[in-house]
């Protein structure tokens, strides 16, 4: 999906919208567009921090067909001012 439809290649830079809760009691949130890097698929070159061959199975109940979609990993930039001093992978 990343390469075939969105044309995102490994190490592509993108931003992901996060709504961060800034006050638990009032549930006040702030929006942050968080910079991230799309990591290479682990099966491609074994540089991903996650185990290789992670897939999501999409089933079509009408036809019984299934498609394996590789799960990709983003390395989010550090955000020290917001309490996230290191990069994180998801």
Protein backbone atom coordinates (compact mmCIF):
# COMPACT_ATOMS: atom_id res chain seq x y z
CA UNK A 1 0.00 0.00 0.00
CA UNK A 2 2.77 2.46 0.91
CA UNK A 3 4.61 2.00 -2.37
CA UNK A 4 1.85 0.87 -4.71
CA UNK A 5 -0.82 3.47 -3.92
CA UNK A 6 0.82 6.25 -1.92
CA UNK A 7 4.23 6.00 -3.63
CA UNK A 8 6.01 6.23 -0.25
CA UNK A 9 9.50 4.81 -0.36
CA UNK A 10 11.62 3.70 2.63
CA UNK A 11 13.05 6.69 4.51
CA UNK A 12 10.29 8.98 3.21
CA UNK A 13 9.53 11.86 5.56
CA UNK A 14 5.94 12.55 6.57
CA UNK A 15 3.91 14.13 9.32
CA UNK A 16 1.22 12.41 11.36
CA UNK A 17 -1.50 14.30 13.20
CA UNK A 18 -1.66 13.54 16.91
CA UNK A 19 -4.16 14.99 19.38
CA UNK A 20 -2.28 15.10 22.68
CA UNK A 21 -4.12 15.31 25.99
CA UNK A 22 -2.54 18.25 27.80
CA UNK A 23 -4.78 18.15 30.88
CA UNK A 24 -6.13 14.80 32.07
CA UNK A 25 -8.78 16.33 34.31
CA UNK A 26 -10.41 18.60 31.72
CA UNK A 27 -9.37 16.39 28.78
CA UNK A 28 -7.90 19.43 27.04
CA UNK A 29 -6.02 18.48 23.91
CA UNK A 30 -3.53 20.10 21.59
CA UNK A 31 -2.88 19.06 18.01
CA UNK A 32 0.67 18.29 16.92
CA UNK A 33 1.83 17.36 13.45
CA UNK A 34 4.62 14.95 14.33
CA UNK A 35 7.49 14.36 11.95
CA UNK A 36 8.35 10.75 11.18
CA UNK A 37 10.42 8.58 8.86
CA UNK A 38 9.00 5.50 7.13
CA UNK A 39 11.40 2.67 7.91
CA UNK A 40 12.28 0.04 5.32
CA UNK A 41 10.24 -3.15 5.37
CA UNK A 42 12.05 -5.63 7.61
CA UNK A 43 11.82 -8.29 4.92
CA UNK A 44 13.59 -6.02 2.45
CA UNK A 45 16.84 -5.35 4.26
CA UNK A 46 16.47 -6.27 7.96
CA UNK A 47 16.99 -2.68 9.21
CA UNK A 48 13.59 -2.34 10.87
CA UNK A 49 13.61 -2.45 14.69
CA UNK A 50 10.59 -4.78 14.60
CA UNK A 51 10.64 -8.51 13.85
CA UNK A 52 10.47 -9.38 10.13
CA UNK A 53 7.37 -10.59 8.32
CA UNK A 54 4.71 -8.70 10.24
CA UNK A 55 1.52 -8.62 8.21
CA UNK A 56 -2.14 -7.76 8.56
CA UNK A 57 -4.53 -10.18 6.89
CA UNK A 58 -7.42 -8.48 5.09
CA UNK A 59 -10.33 -10.86 4.50
CA UNK A 60 -13.12 -10.38 1.99
CA UNK A 61 -16.14 -12.06 3.58
CA UNK A 62 -18.07 -12.01 0.31
CA UNK A 63 -15.51 -13.94 -1.73
CA UNK A 64 -13.44 -15.63 0.96
CA UNK A 65 -10.28 -14.09 -0.51
CA UNK A 66 -7.54 -12.75 1.74
CA UNK A 67 -4.64 -10.37 1.12
CA UNK A 68 -1.51 -10.04 3.27
CA UNK A 69 -0.54 -6.39 3.80
CA UNK A 70 2.89 -5.70 5.33
CA UNK A 71 2.82 -3.65 8.51
CA UNK A 72 5.17 -0.69 8.17
CA UNK A 73 6.98 1.12 10.96
CA UNK A 74 7.38 4.86 11.52
CA UNK A 75 10.24 6.35 13.52
CA UNK A 76 8.81 9.46 15.15
CA UNK A 77 11.04 12.45 15.79
CA UNK A 78 11.96 13.39 19.33
CA UNK A 79 9.90 16.21 20.88
CA UNK A 80 11.82 17.22 24.04
CA UNK A 81 9.64 20.28 24.77
CA UNK A 82 6.58 17.99 24.89
CA UNK A 83 8.17 15.37 27.14
CA UNK A 84 9.36 12.99 24.40
CA UNK A 85 13.16 13.34 24.49
CA UNK A 86 13.92 10.37 22.23
CA UNK A 87 12.76 9.03 18.89
CA UNK A 88 10.15 6.26 19.06
CA UNK A 89 9.08 3.55 16.64
CA UNK A 90 5.52 2.44 16.04
